[in-house]
C-alpha atoms as a PDB file:
ATOM      1  CA  MET A   1       0.002  -0.011   0.010  1.00  0.00           C
ATOM      2  CA  PRO A   2       1.530   3.372  -0.947  1.00  0.00           C
ATOM      3  CA  VAL A   3       2.151   5.986   1.679  1.00  0.00           C
ATOM      4  CA  THR A   4      -0.512   8.680   1.428  1.00  0.00           C
ATOM      5  CA  VAL A   5       0.154  12.200   2.585  1.00  0.00           C
ATOM      6  CA  VAL A   6      -1.855  15.439   2.729  1.00  0.00           C
ATOM      7  CA  ARG A   7       0.463  18.426   2.871  1.00  0.00           C
ATOM      8  CA  PHE A   8      -0.317  21.830   4.380  1.00  0.00           C
ATOM      9  CA  ASN A   9       1.808  24.971   4.575  1.00  0.00           C
ATOM     10  CA  LEU A  10      -1.151  27.387   4.729  1.00  0.00           C
ATOM     11  CA  VAL A  11       0.297  29.781   2.143  1.00  0.00           C
ATOM     12  CA  GLU A  12      -2.110  32.529   1.008  1.00  0.00           C
ATOM     13  CA  PRO A  13      -0.699  35.636  -0.708  1.00  0.00           C
ATOM     14  CA  ASP A  14      -2.655  38.824  -0.013  1.00  0.00           C
ATOM     15  CA  ALA A  15      -4.729  37.115   2.676  1.00  0.00           C
ATOM     16  CA  THR A  16      -7.072  38.914   4.953  1.00  0.00           C
ATOM     17  CA  ARG A  17      -7.398  37.902   8.563  1.00  0.00           C
ATOM     18  CA  ALA A  18     -10.790  36.374   7.779  1.00  0.00           C
ATOM     19  CA  SER A  19      -9.579  34.429   4.730  1.00  0.00           C
ATOM     20  CA  LEU A  20      -6.480  33.104   6.466  1.00  0.00           C
ATOM     21  CA  GLY A  21      -8.539  32.046   9.492  1.00  0.00           C
ATOM     22  CA  GLU A  22     -10.863  30.200   7.141  1.00  0.00           C
ATOM     23  CA  ARG A  23      -7.838  28.482   5.486  1.00  0.00           C
ATOM     24  CA  TYR A  24      -6.504  27.285   8.840  1.00  0.00           C
ATOM     25  CA  ARG A  25      -9.913  25.952   9.895  1.00  0.00           C
ATOM     26  CA  THR A  26     -10.355  24.278   6.498  1.00  0.00           C
ATOM     27  CA  ALA A  27      -6.987  22.546   6.869  1.00  0.00           C
ATOM     28  CA  LEU A  28      -8.140  21.066  10.183  1.00  0.00           C
ATOM     29  CA  GLU A  29     -11.400  19.902   8.633  1.00  0.00           C
ATOM     30  CA  MET A  30      -9.451  18.388   5.773  1.00  0.00           C
ATOM     31  CA  ALA A  31      -7.122  16.609   8.190  1.00  0.00           C
ATOM     32  CA  ALA A  32     -10.123  15.103   9.966  1.00  0.00           C
ATOM     33  CA  TYR A  33     -11.654  14.007   6.665  1.00  0.00           C
ATOM     34  CA  ALA A  34      -8.300  12.513   5.545  1.00  0.00           C
ATOM     35  CA  ASP A  35      -8.095  10.646   8.867  1.00  0.00           C
ATOM     36  CA  GLU A  36     -11.550   9.193   8.412  1.00  0.00           C
ATOM     37  CA  HIS A  37     -10.629   7.966   4.932  1.00  0.00           C
ATOM     38  CA  GLY A  38      -7.369   6.249   5.834  1.00  0.00           C
ATOM     39  CA  VAL A  39      -4.745   8.786   4.715  1.00  0.00           C
ATOM     40  CA  THR A  40      -1.439   7.950   6.379  1.00  0.00           C
ATOM     41  CA  THR A  41       0.068  11.334   7.208  1.00  0.00           C
ATOM     42  CA  VAL A  42      -0.385  15.060   7.438  1.00  0.00           C
ATOM     43  CA  GLN A  43       2.853  16.817   6.481  1.00  0.00           C
ATOM     44  CA  THR A  44       3.662  20.387   7.476  1.00  0.00           C
ATOM     45  CA  GLU A  45       6.748  22.581   7.781  1.00  0.00           C
ATOM     46  CA  GLU A  46       8.238  25.763   9.132  1.00  0.00           C
ATOM     47  CA  HIS A  47       9.219  29.097   7.546  1.00  0.00           C
ATOM     48  CA  HIS A  48       9.315  32.605   9.012  1.00  0.00           C
ATOM     49  CA  GLY A  49       8.648  36.134   7.860  1.00  0.00           C
ATOM     50  CA  VAL A  50       7.333  35.159   4.460  1.00  0.00           C
ATOM     51  CA  GLY A  51       5.073  37.633   2.736  1.00  0.00           C
ATOM     52  CA  ASN A  52       2.661  34.929   1.573  1.00  0.00           C
ATOM     53  CA  ASN A  53       1.948  33.803   5.159  1.00  0.00           C
ATOM     54  CA  TRP A  54       3.824  30.523   5.110  1.00  0.00           C
ATOM     55  CA  LEU A  55       3.143  28.544   8.310  1.00  0.00           C
ATOM     56  CA  PRO A  56       5.666  29.557  10.995  1.00  0.00           C
ATOM     57  CA  SER A  57       4.356  27.375  13.866  1.00  0.00           C
ATOM     58  CA  PRO A  58       4.175  23.709  12.782  1.00  0.00           C
ATOM     59  CA  PHE A  59       3.865  22.292  16.325  1.00  0.00           C
ATOM     60  CA  ALA A  60       0.920  24.521  17.196  1.00  0.00           C
ATOM     61  CA  PHE A  61      -0.729  23.319  13.971  1.00  0.00           C
ATOM     62  CA  ALA A  62       0.163  19.705  14.756  1.00  0.00           C
ATOM     63  CA  GLY A  63      -1.534  20.000  18.134  1.00  0.00           C
ATOM     64  CA  ALA A  64      -4.721  21.251  16.488  1.00  0.00           C
ATOM     65  CA  VAL A  65      -4.597  18.361  14.005  1.00  0.00           C
ATOM     66  CA  PHE A  66      -4.202  15.847  16.768  1.00  0.00           C
ATOM     67  CA  GLY A  67      -7.236  17.324  18.510  1.00  0.00           C
ATOM     68  CA  ALA A  68      -9.298  16.794  15.333  1.00  0.00           C
ATOM     69  CA  THR A  69      -8.069  13.286  14.432  1.00  0.00           C
ATOM     70  CA  ARG A  70      -7.588   9.835  15.945  1.00  0.00           C
ATOM     71  CA  ARG A  71      -5.199   7.855  13.738  1.00  0.00           C
ATOM     72  CA  ILE A  72      -3.290  10.013  11.256  1.00  0.00           C
ATOM     73  CA  ALA A  73       0.379  10.888  11.879  1.00  0.00           C
ATOM     74  CA  VAL A  74       1.739  14.415  11.619  1.00  0.00           C
ATOM     75  CA  THR A  75       5.218  14.861  10.162  1.00  0.00           C
ATOM     76  CA  VAL A  76       6.922  18.202  10.706  1.00  0.00           C
ATOM     77  CA  SER A  77       9.338  18.264   7.804  1.00  0.00           C
ATOM     78  CA  ALA A  78      11.237  20.137   8.798  1.00  0.00           C
ATOM     79  CA  VAL A  79      11.630  22.088  11.993  1.00  0.00           C
ATOM     80  CA  ILE A  80      14.527  24.591  11.754  1.00  0.00           C
ATOM     81  CA  GLY A  81      16.352  23.326  14.806  1.00  0.00           C
ATOM     82  CA  PRO A  82      18.774  26.174  15.641  1.00  0.00           C
ATOM     83  CA  LEU A  83      15.893  28.678  15.827  1.00  0.00           C
ATOM     84  CA  HIS A  84      14.331  26.884  18.805  1.00  0.00           C
ATOM     85  CA  ASP A  85      15.190  26.860  22.481  1.00  0.00           C
ATOM     86  CA  PRO A  86      16.186  23.220  23.090  1.00  0.00           C
ATOM     87  CA  LEU A  87      14.429  22.784  26.437  1.00  0.00           C
ATOM     88  CA  ARG A  88      11.182  24.361  25.310  1.00  0.00           C
ATOM     89  CA  LEU A  89      11.213  22.269  22.115  1.00  0.00           C
ATOM     90  CA  ALA A  90      11.759  19.126  24.180  1.00  0.00           C
ATOM     91  CA  GLU A  91       8.728  20.037  26.296  1.00  0.00           C
ATOM     92  CA  ASP A  92       6.533  20.866  23.322  1.00  0.00           C
ATOM     93  CA  ILE A  93       7.311  17.663  21.503  1.00  0.00           C
ATOM     94  CA  ALA A  94       6.829  15.576  24.669  1.00  0.00           C
ATOM     95  CA  VAL A  95       3.386  17.088  25.227  1.00  0.00           C
ATOM     96  CA  LEU A  96       2.372  16.514  21.597  1.00  0.00           C
ATOM     97  CA  ASP A  97       3.649  12.964  21.785  1.00  0.00           C
ATOM     98  CA  LEU A  98       1.501  12.319  24.842  1.00  0.00           C
ATOM     99  CA  LEU A  99      -1.589  13.989  23.306  1.00  0.00           C
ATOM    100  CA  SER A 100      -1.290  11.967  20.124  1.00  0.00           C
ATOM    101  CA  GLU A 101      -0.086   8.702  21.605  1.00  0.00           C
ATOM    102  CA  GLY A 102       3.010   8.747  19.472  1.00  0.00           C
ATOM    103  CA  ARG A 103       1.692  10.133  16.198  1.00  0.00           C
ATOM    104  CA  LEU A 104       4.205  12.976  15.883  1.00  0.00           C
ATOM    105  CA  VAL A 105       7.227  12.645  13.577  1.00  0.00           C
ATOM    106  CA  THR A 106       9.818  15.422  13.723  1.00  0.00           C
ATOM    107  CA  VAL A 107      12.451  15.980  11.055  1.00  0.00           C
ATOM    108  CA  ALA A 108      15.098  18.387  12.325  1.00  0.00           C
ATOM    109  CA  GLY A 109      16.952  20.446   9.725  1.00  0.00           C
ATOM    110  CA  ILE A 110      19.038  23.585   9.872  1.00  0.00           C
ATOM    111  CA  GLY A 111      17.234  25.510   7.139  1.00  0.00           C
ATOM    112  CA  TYR A 112      18.673  27.405   4.213  1.00  0.00           C
ATOM    113  CA  ARG A 113      17.485  30.992   4.666  1.00  0.00           C
ATOM    114  CA  PRO A 114      19.876  33.381   6.515  1.00  0.00           C
ATOM    115  CA  ASP A 115      16.975  35.863   6.781  1.00  0.00           C
ATOM    116  CA  GLU A 116      15.182  33.528   9.188  1.00  0.00           C
ATOM    117  CA  TYR A 117      18.250  33.381  11.436  1.00  0.00           C
ATOM    118  CA  ALA A 118      18.557  37.159  11.397  1.00  0.00           C
ATOM    119  CA  GLN A 119      14.893  37.516  12.373  1.00  0.00           C
ATOM    120  CA  PHE A 120      15.497  35.495  15.529  1.00  0.00           C
ATOM    121  CA  GLY A 121      18.915  36.948  16.272  1.00  0.00           C
ATOM    122  CA  VAL A 122      20.656  33.571  15.723  1.00  0.00           C
ATOM    123  CA  GLU A 123      24.084  33.587  14.161  1.00  0.00           C
ATOM    124  CA  TRP A 124      23.998  31.810  10.807  1.00  0.00           C
ATOM    125  CA  LYS A 125      27.626  30.610  11.068  1.00  0.00           C
ATOM    126  CA  ARG A 126      26.840  28.771  14.315  1.00  0.00           C
ATOM    127  CA  ARG A 127      23.976  26.737  12.918  1.00  0.00           C
ATOM    128  CA  GLY A 128      25.848  23.427  12.861  1.00  0.00           C
ATOM    129  CA  ARG A 129      26.958  23.740  16.469  1.00  0.00           C
ATOM    130  CA  LEU A 130      23.487  24.833  17.543  1.00  0.00           C
ATOM    131  CA  GLN A 131      21.921  21.888  15.748  1.00  0.00           C
ATOM    132  CA  ASP A 132      24.266  19.479  17.557  1.00  0.00           C
ATOM    133  CA  GLU A 133      23.361  21.041  20.884  1.00  0.00           C
ATOM    134  CA  LEU A 134      19.632  20.852  20.104  1.00  0.00           C
ATOM    135  CA  LEU A 135      19.624  17.202  19.154  1.00  0.00           C
ATOM    136  CA  GLU A 136      21.823  16.141  22.051  1.00  0.00           C
ATOM    137  CA  THR A 137      19.596  18.119  24.453  1.00  0.00           C
ATOM    138  CA  LEU A 138      16.381  16.563  23.149  1.00  0.00           C
ATOM    139  CA  LEU A 139      17.715  13.055  23.624  1.00  0.00           C
ATOM    140  CA  LYS A 140      18.853  13.795  27.183  1.00  0.00           C
ATOM    141  CA  ALA A 141      15.690  15.720  28.060  1.00  0.00           C
ATOM    142  CA  TRP A 142      13.332  12.936  27.078  1.00  0.00           C
ATOM    143  CA  THR A 143      14.885  10.508  29.578  1.00  0.00           C
ATOM    144  CA  GLY A 144      13.186  12.538  32.374  1.00  0.00           C
ATOM    145  CA  GLU A 145      16.460  12.544  34.287  1.00  0.00           C
ATOM    146  CA  GLU A 146      18.614  15.475  35.361  1.00  0.00           C
ATOM    147  CA  PHE A 147      21.460  16.480  33.042  1.00  0.00           C
ATOM    148  CA  ALA A 148      23.948  19.282  32.598  1.00  0.00           C
ATOM    149  CA  TYR A 149      22.865  22.059  30.244  1.00  0.00           C
ATOM    150  CA  ARG A 150      24.803  25.254  29.588  1.00  0.00           C
ATOM    151  CA  GLY A 151      26.517  25.109  32.978  1.00  0.00           C
ATOM    152  CA  ARG A 152      23.480  24.234  35.084  1.00  0.00           C
ATOM    153  CA  THR A 153      21.544  21.132  36.032  1.00  0.00           C
ATOM    154  CA  VAL A 154      18.079  20.806  34.467  1.00  0.00           C
ATOM    155  CA  ARG A 155      15.277  18.281  34.155  1.00  0.00           C
ATOM    156  CA  VAL A 156      12.478  18.187  31.574  1.00  0.00           C
ATOM    157  CA  THR A 157       9.060  16.772  32.387  1.00  0.00           C
ATOM    158  CA  PRO A 158       6.776  15.115  31.490  1.00  0.00           C
ATOM    159  CA  ARG A 159       8.422  12.204  29.738  1.00  0.00           C
ATOM    160  CA  PRO A 160       7.022  11.500  26.281  1.00  0.00           C
ATOM    161  CA  PHE A 161       4.536   8.734  25.477  1.00  0.00           C
ATOM    162  CA  THR A 162       6.920   7.019  23.042  1.00  0.00           C
ATOM    163  CA  ASP A 163       9.702   4.855  24.463  1.00  0.00           C
ATOM    164  CA  PRO A 164      12.597   5.606  24.361  1.00  0.00           C
ATOM    165  CA  HIS A 165      11.631   8.934  22.733  1.00  0.00           C
ATOM    166  CA  PRO A 166       9.424  10.464  20.019  1.00  0.00           C
ATOM    167  CA  LEU A 167      10.419   9.728  16.491  1.00  0.00           C
ATOM    168  CA  LEU A 168      13.169  12.225  15.578  1.00  0.00           C
ATOM    169  CA  LEU A 169      14.985  12.265  12.250  1.00  0.00           C
ATOM    170  CA  VAL A 170      17.853  14.402  11.078  1.00  0.00           C
ATOM    171  CA  GLY A 171      17.068  16.068   7.743  1.00  0.00           C
ATOM    172  CA  GLY A 172      19.348  17.554   5.139  1.00  0.00           C
ATOM    173  CA  SER A 173      21.205  17.148   1.882  1.00  0.00           C
ATOM    174  CA  SER A 174      24.806  17.412   3.154  1.00  0.00           C
ATOM    175  CA  LYS A 175      27.419  15.034   4.490  1.00  0.00           C
ATOM    176  CA  ALA A 176      27.402  17.087   7.692  1.00  0.00           C
ATOM    177  CA  ALA A 177      23.773  16.193   8.251  1.00  0.00           C
ATOM    178  CA  ALA A 178      24.420  12.538   7.538  1.00  0.00           C
ATOM    179  CA  ARG A 179      27.369  12.487   9.970  1.00  0.00           C
ATOM    180  CA  ARG A 180      25.286  14.217  12.637  1.00  0.00           C
ATOM    181  CA  ALA A 181      22.517  11.613  12.332  1.00  0.00           C
ATOM    182  CA  ALA A 182      24.969   8.719  12.422  1.00  0.00           C
ATOM    183  CA  ARG A 183      26.928  10.023  15.417  1.00  0.00           C
ATOM    184  CA  LEU A 184      23.739  10.325  17.478  1.00  0.00           C
ATOM    185  CA  GLY A 185      22.212   7.053  16.200  1.00  0.00           C
ATOM    186  CA  LEU A 186      19.239   8.912  14.735  1.00  0.00           C
ATOM    187  CA  PRO A 187      17.423   8.106  11.481  1.00  0.00           C
ATOM    188  CA  PHE A 188      18.403  10.183   8.470  1.00  0.00           C
ATOM    189  CA  PHE A 189      15.931  11.953   6.172  1.00  0.00           C
ATOM    190  CA  PRO A 190      17.645  13.186   3.000  1.00  0.00           C
ATOM    191  CA  SER A 191      15.813  16.160   1.469  1.00  0.00           C
ATOM    192  CA  ALA A 192      15.817  14.469  -1.952  1.00  0.00           C
ATOM    193  CA  HIS A 193      16.465  11.071  -3.493  1.00  0.00           C
ATOM    194  CA  LEU A 194      20.208  10.898  -2.760  1.00  0.00           C
ATOM    195  CA  PRO A 195      21.420   7.267  -2.681  1.00  0.00           C
ATOM    196  CA  GLU A 196      25.067   8.346  -2.470  1.00  0.00           C
ATOM    197  CA  LEU A 197      24.318  10.282   0.719  1.00  0.00           C
ATOM    198  CA  GLU A 198      22.470   7.288   2.173  1.00  0.00           C
ATOM    199  CA  ALA A 199      25.598   5.181   1.508  1.00  0.00           C
ATOM    200  CA  TYR A 200      27.750   7.782   3.258  1.00  0.00           C
ATOM    201  CA  TYR A 201      25.366   7.753   6.236  1.00  0.00           C
ATOM    202  CA  LYS A 202      25.616   3.970   6.478  1.00  0.00           C
ATOM    203  CA  GLU A 203      29.417   4.158   6.423  1.00  0.00           C
ATOM    204  CA  ARG A 204      29.362   6.651   9.260  1.00  0.00           C
ATOM    205  CA  LEU A 205      27.041   4.355  11.299  1.00  0.00           C
ATOM    206  CA  VAL A 206      29.776   1.725  11.114  1.00  0.00           C
ATOM    207  CA  GLU A 207      32.436   4.266  11.996  1.00  0.00           C
ATOM    208  CA  TYR A 208      30.554   5.493  15.089  1.00  0.00           C
ATOM    209  CA  GLY A 209      29.270   2.071  16.116  1.00  0.00           C
ATOM    210  CA  THR A 210      25.653   3.280  16.120  1.00  0.00           C
ATOM    211  CA  GLU A 211      22.462   2.025  14.545  1.00  0.00           C
ATOM    212  CA  GLY A 212      20.059   3.936  12.319  1.00  0.00           C
ATOM    213  CA  TRP A 213      17.998   3.862   9.160  1.00  0.00           C
ATOM    214  CA  THR A 214      17.156   6.130   6.273  1.00  0.00           C
ATOM    215  CA  MET A 215      13.745   7.546   5.298  1.00  0.00           C
ATOM    216  CA  MET A 216      14.626   8.217   1.658  1.00  0.00           C
ATOM    217  CA  PRO A 217      12.260  10.168  -0.592  1.00  0.00           C
ATOM    218  CA  THR A 218      11.470   8.167  -3.702  1.00  0.00           C
ATOM    219  CA  ALA A 219      12.949   9.166  -7.052  1.00  0.00           C
ATOM    220  CA  GLU A 220       9.588  10.603  -7.958  1.00  0.00           C
ATOM    221  CA  THR A 221       7.718  12.486  -5.239  1.00  0.00           C
ATOM    222  CA  PRO A 222       5.468  14.907  -7.110  1.00  0.00           C
ATOM    223  CA  LEU A 223       2.987  17.161  -5.407  1.00  0.00           C
ATOM    224  CA  LEU A 224      -0.501  16.128  -6.546  1.00  0.00           C
ATOM    225  CA  HIS A 225      -3.829  17.757  -7.198  1.00  0.00           C
ATOM    226  CA  ILE A 226      -6.783  15.666  -8.357  1.00  0.00           C
ATOM    227  CA  ALA A 227      -9.302  17.054 -10.821  1.00  0.00           C
ATOM    228  CA  GLU A 228     -11.879  15.744 -13.298  1.00  0.00           C
ATOM    229  CA  ASP A 229     -10.454  18.065 -15.944  1.00  0.00           C
ATOM    230  CA  PRO A 230      -6.696  18.722 -15.515  1.00  0.00           C
ATOM    231  CA  ASP A 231      -6.624  21.186 -18.426  1.00  0.00           C
ATOM    232  CA  ARG A 232      -9.256  23.318 -16.747  1.00  0.00           C
ATOM    233  CA  ALA A 233      -7.513  23.033 -13.380  1.00  0.00           C
ATOM    234  CA  TRP A 234      -4.159  24.107 -14.829  1.00  0.00           C
ATOM    235  CA  ALA A 235      -5.757  27.063 -16.600  1.00  0.00           C
ATOM    236  CA  GLU A 236      -7.696  28.224 -13.537  1.00  0.00           C
ATOM    237  CA  HIS A 237      -5.354  27.304 -10.729  1.00  0.00           C
ATOM    238  CA  GLY A 238      -1.841  26.740 -12.150  1.00  0.00           C
ATOM    239  CA  GLU A 239      -0.800  30.163 -10.869  1.00  0.00           C
ATOM    240  CA  HIS A 240      -1.066  28.877  -7.295  1.00  0.00           C
ATOM    241  CA  PHE A 241       1.369  26.059  -7.904  1.00  0.00           C
ATOM    242  CA  LEU A 242       3.708  28.411  -9.749  1.00  0.00           C
ATOM    243  CA  HIS A 243       3.655  30.869  -6.853  1.00  0.00           C
ATOM    244  CA  GLU A 244       4.797  28.155  -4.459  1.00  0.00           C
ATOM    245  CA  ALA A 245       7.381  26.810  -6.885  1.00  0.00           C
ATOM    246  CA  ARG A 246       8.872  30.255  -7.473  1.00  0.00           C
ATOM    247  CA  THR A 247       8.932  30.978  -3.750  1.00  0.00           C
ATOM    248  CA  TYR A 248      10.913  27.789  -3.093  1.00  0.00           C
ATOM    249  CA  ALA A 249      13.243  28.495  -5.982  1.00  0.00           C
ATOM    250  CA  SER A 250      14.018  31.990  -4.674  1.00  0.00           C
ATOM    251  CA  TRP A 251      15.268  30.477  -1.405  1.00  0.00           C
ATOM    252  CA  GLN A 252      17.447  27.663  -2.696  1.00  0.00           C
ATOM    253  CA  SER A 253      21.073  27.980  -3.752  1.00  0.00           C
ATOM    254  CA  GLY A 254      22.896  25.575  -6.020  1.00  0.00           C
ATOM    255  CA  ASP A 255      23.994  23.275  -3.190  1.00  0.00           C
ATOM    256  CA  ILE A 256      20.448  22.808  -1.797  1.00  0.00           C
ATOM    257  CA  ARG A 257      18.811  19.574  -2.913  1.00  0.00           C
ATOM    258  CA  SER A 258      15.059  19.251  -2.621  1.00  0.00           C
ATOM    259  CA  ALA A 259      12.552  16.651  -3.800  1.00  0.00           C
ATOM    260  CA  VAL A 260      10.230  19.487  -4.907  1.00  0.00           C
ATOM    261  CA  ARG A 261      12.748  21.853  -6.438  1.00  0.00           C
ATOM    262  CA  SER A 262      11.480  23.503  -9.641  1.00  0.00           C
ATOM    263  CA  ALA A 263      13.135  25.643 -12.285  1.00  0.00           C
ATOM    264  CA  ALA A 264       9.875  26.650 -13.972  1.00  0.00           C
ATOM    265  CA  THR A 265       9.059  30.276 -14.613  1.00  0.00           C
ATOM    266  CA  THR A 266       5.664  29.857 -16.248  1.00  0.00           C
ATOM    267  CA  VAL A 267       2.636  27.656 -15.624  1.00  0.00           C
ATOM    268  CA  GLU A 268       3.349  25.869 -18.925  1.00  0.00           C
ATOM    269  CA  GLU A 269       6.904  25.042 -17.893  1.00  0.00           C
ATOM    270  CA  LEU A 270       5.701  23.895 -14.481  1.00  0.00           C
ATOM    271  CA  ARG A 271       3.170  21.538 -16.013  1.00  0.00           C
ATOM    272  CA  ALA A 272       5.776  20.014 -18.338  1.00  0.00           C
ATOM    273  CA  GLU A 273       8.296  19.615 -15.547  1.00  0.00           C
ATOM    274  CA  GLY A 274       6.180  17.213 -13.475  1.00  0.00           C
ATOM    275  CA  VAL A 275       7.148  18.393  -9.998  1.00  0.00           C
ATOM    276  CA  TYR A 276       3.517  19.475  -9.567  1.00  0.00           C
ATOM    277  CA  ARG A 277       0.941  17.259 -11.238  1.00  0.00           C
ATOM    278  CA  ILE A 278      -2.771  17.716 -11.753  1.00  0.00           C
ATOM    279  CA  LEU A 279      -4.222  14.301 -12.472  1.00  0.00           C
ATOM    280  CA  THR A 280      -7.620  12.660 -12.922  1.00  0.00           C
ATOM    281  CA  PRO A 281      -8.404   9.922 -10.408  1.00  0.00           C
ATOM    282  CA  ASP A 282      -7.650   7.275 -13.045  1.00  0.00           C
ATOM    283  CA  GLN A 283      -4.325   8.903 -13.923  1.00  0.00           C
ATOM    284  CA  CYS A 284      -3.349   9.103 -10.268  1.00  0.00           C
ATOM    285  CA  VAL A 285      -3.907   5.354  -9.801  1.00  0.00           C
ATOM    286  CA  GLU A 286      -2.081   4.551 -13.046  1.00  0.00           C
ATOM    287  CA  GLN A 287       1.025   6.541 -11.975  1.00  0.00           C
ATOM    288  CA  GLY A 288       1.924   3.712  -9.562  1.00  0.00           C
ATOM    289  CA  LEU A 289       3.663   6.049  -7.145  1.00  0.00           C
ATOM    290  CA  ASP A 290       4.999   4.679  -3.829  1.00  0.00           C
ATOM    291  CA  ASN A 291       4.282   8.012  -2.131  1.00  0.00           C
ATOM    292  CA  LEU A 292       1.189  10.009  -2.990  1.00  0.00           C
ATOM    293  CA  VAL A 293       1.466  13.541  -1.674  1.00  0.00           C
ATOM    294  CA  LEU A 294      -1.726  15.550  -2.111  1.00  0.00           C
ATOM    295  CA  HIS A 295      -1.342  19.322  -1.807  1.00  0.00           C
ATOM    296  CA  PRO A 296      -4.952  20.536  -1.738  1.00  0.00           C
ATOM    297  CA  LEU A 297      -4.339  24.147  -0.629  1.00  0.00           C
ATOM    298  CA  ALA A 298      -1.106  24.793  -2.533  1.00  0.00           C
ATOM    299  CA  GLY A 299      -0.012  28.388  -3.025  1.00  0.00           C
ATOM    300  CA  GLY A 300      -3.293  29.931  -1.905  1.00  0.00           C
ATOM    301  CA  MET A 301      -5.558  27.511  -3.760  1.00  0.00           C
ATOM    302  CA  PRO A 302      -9.263  28.386  -3.185  1.00  0.00           C
ATOM    303  CA  VAL A 303     -10.597  26.188  -0.416  1.00  0.00           C
ATOM    304  CA  GLU A 304     -13.474  24.965  -2.596  1.00  0.00           C
ATOM    305  CA  GLU A 305     -11.064  23.660  -5.215  1.00  0.00           C
ATOM    306  CA  GLY A 306      -8.959  22.104  -2.451  1.00  0.00           C
ATOM    307  CA  TRP A 307     -11.978  20.229  -1.141  1.00  0.00           C
ATOM    308  CA  ARG A 308     -12.785  18.918  -4.658  1.00  0.00           C
ATOM    309  CA  SER A 309      -9.261  17.579  -4.956  1.00  0.00           C
ATOM    310  CA  LEU A 310      -9.291  15.928  -1.570  1.00  0.00           C
ATOM    311  CA  ARG A 311     -12.713  14.305  -2.046  1.00  0.00           C
ATOM    312  CA  LEU A 312     -11.731  12.903  -5.410  1.00  0.00           C
ATOM    313  CA  PHE A 313      -8.539  11.519  -3.833  1.00  0.00           C
ATOM    314  CA  ALA A 314     -10.378   9.955  -0.921  1.00  0.00           C
ATOM    315  CA  GLU A 315     -13.357   8.610  -2.814  1.00  0.00           C
ATOM    316  CA  ARG A 316     -11.927   7.633  -6.178  1.00  0.00           C
ATOM    317  CA  VAL A 317      -8.199   7.021  -5.653  1.00  0.00           C
ATOM    318  CA  LEU A 318      -7.657   5.567  -2.178  1.00  0.00           C
ATOM    319  CA  PRO A 319     -10.133   2.676  -2.520  1.00  0.00           C
ATOM    320  CA  ARG A 320      -8.262   1.509  -5.659  1.00  0.00           C
ATOM    321  CA  LEU A 321      -4.752   1.449  -4.191  1.00  0.00           C
ATOM    322  CA  ASP A 322      -3.230  -1.967  -3.466  1.00  0.00           C
END
């Protein structure tokens, strides 16, 4: 059975307070609907100070999703680790893990936007050291025991629901990220399909004498929208996908690898590229993808169109997946 994901980043350019509030509430209703229909995961992420209102608080959103659902997992992919206070993040994740009975998955990355570091007064050049401290602190904090932290003795309570700790992966597209994951014995989440980096991670596991595994994106992980008439949907809503694609592209330098990276500058180029795909239900089934990532509210998509996509996915795609 393929992994099925509904992705939300709550982007809405030129939003009003009323429209953005409606979008957030719609996302929760969609998460509940997806949960009822057997979708595996809600995926969300973190970015700050973006003019199009990109979600900055993935754990607050995750808590709301858990309150509206009973089975579906929430993957935060990714939290920008160095921007968070390690002790507070340990507490927040522990509470969410308890509320959800272990349904939270956290991918910790270091980000790729210096502007976000500047906004929080965090030194960009220290991001690697700060990420090391964060991950080490989380693992110590979740034991519930006292430990030394920045020259003082601290203890974090409550302990999480999951034993020995909530699922925590190290994300990234660099050898430094792979080494960090291997040294700490944490799973590794490459940001794209990078078999050579997975091999490097496995070599470092042997070097450090630790155990771990890789959650590797598949070679094809397109962002999906389901429509009865893809031509109409591209004509009417392609601008929303292009807005998101261009936003991502403006952030990423040449050494950043992403499963959803696009070079398109027009809707026509984006459609031909295949990173974003608008498919009929039949076409979606015929794609034979191992991971189906539905993006119903992409780039400010009207909520009515997002609902049409999600309902087609739930009612005419999911029942036909092996």
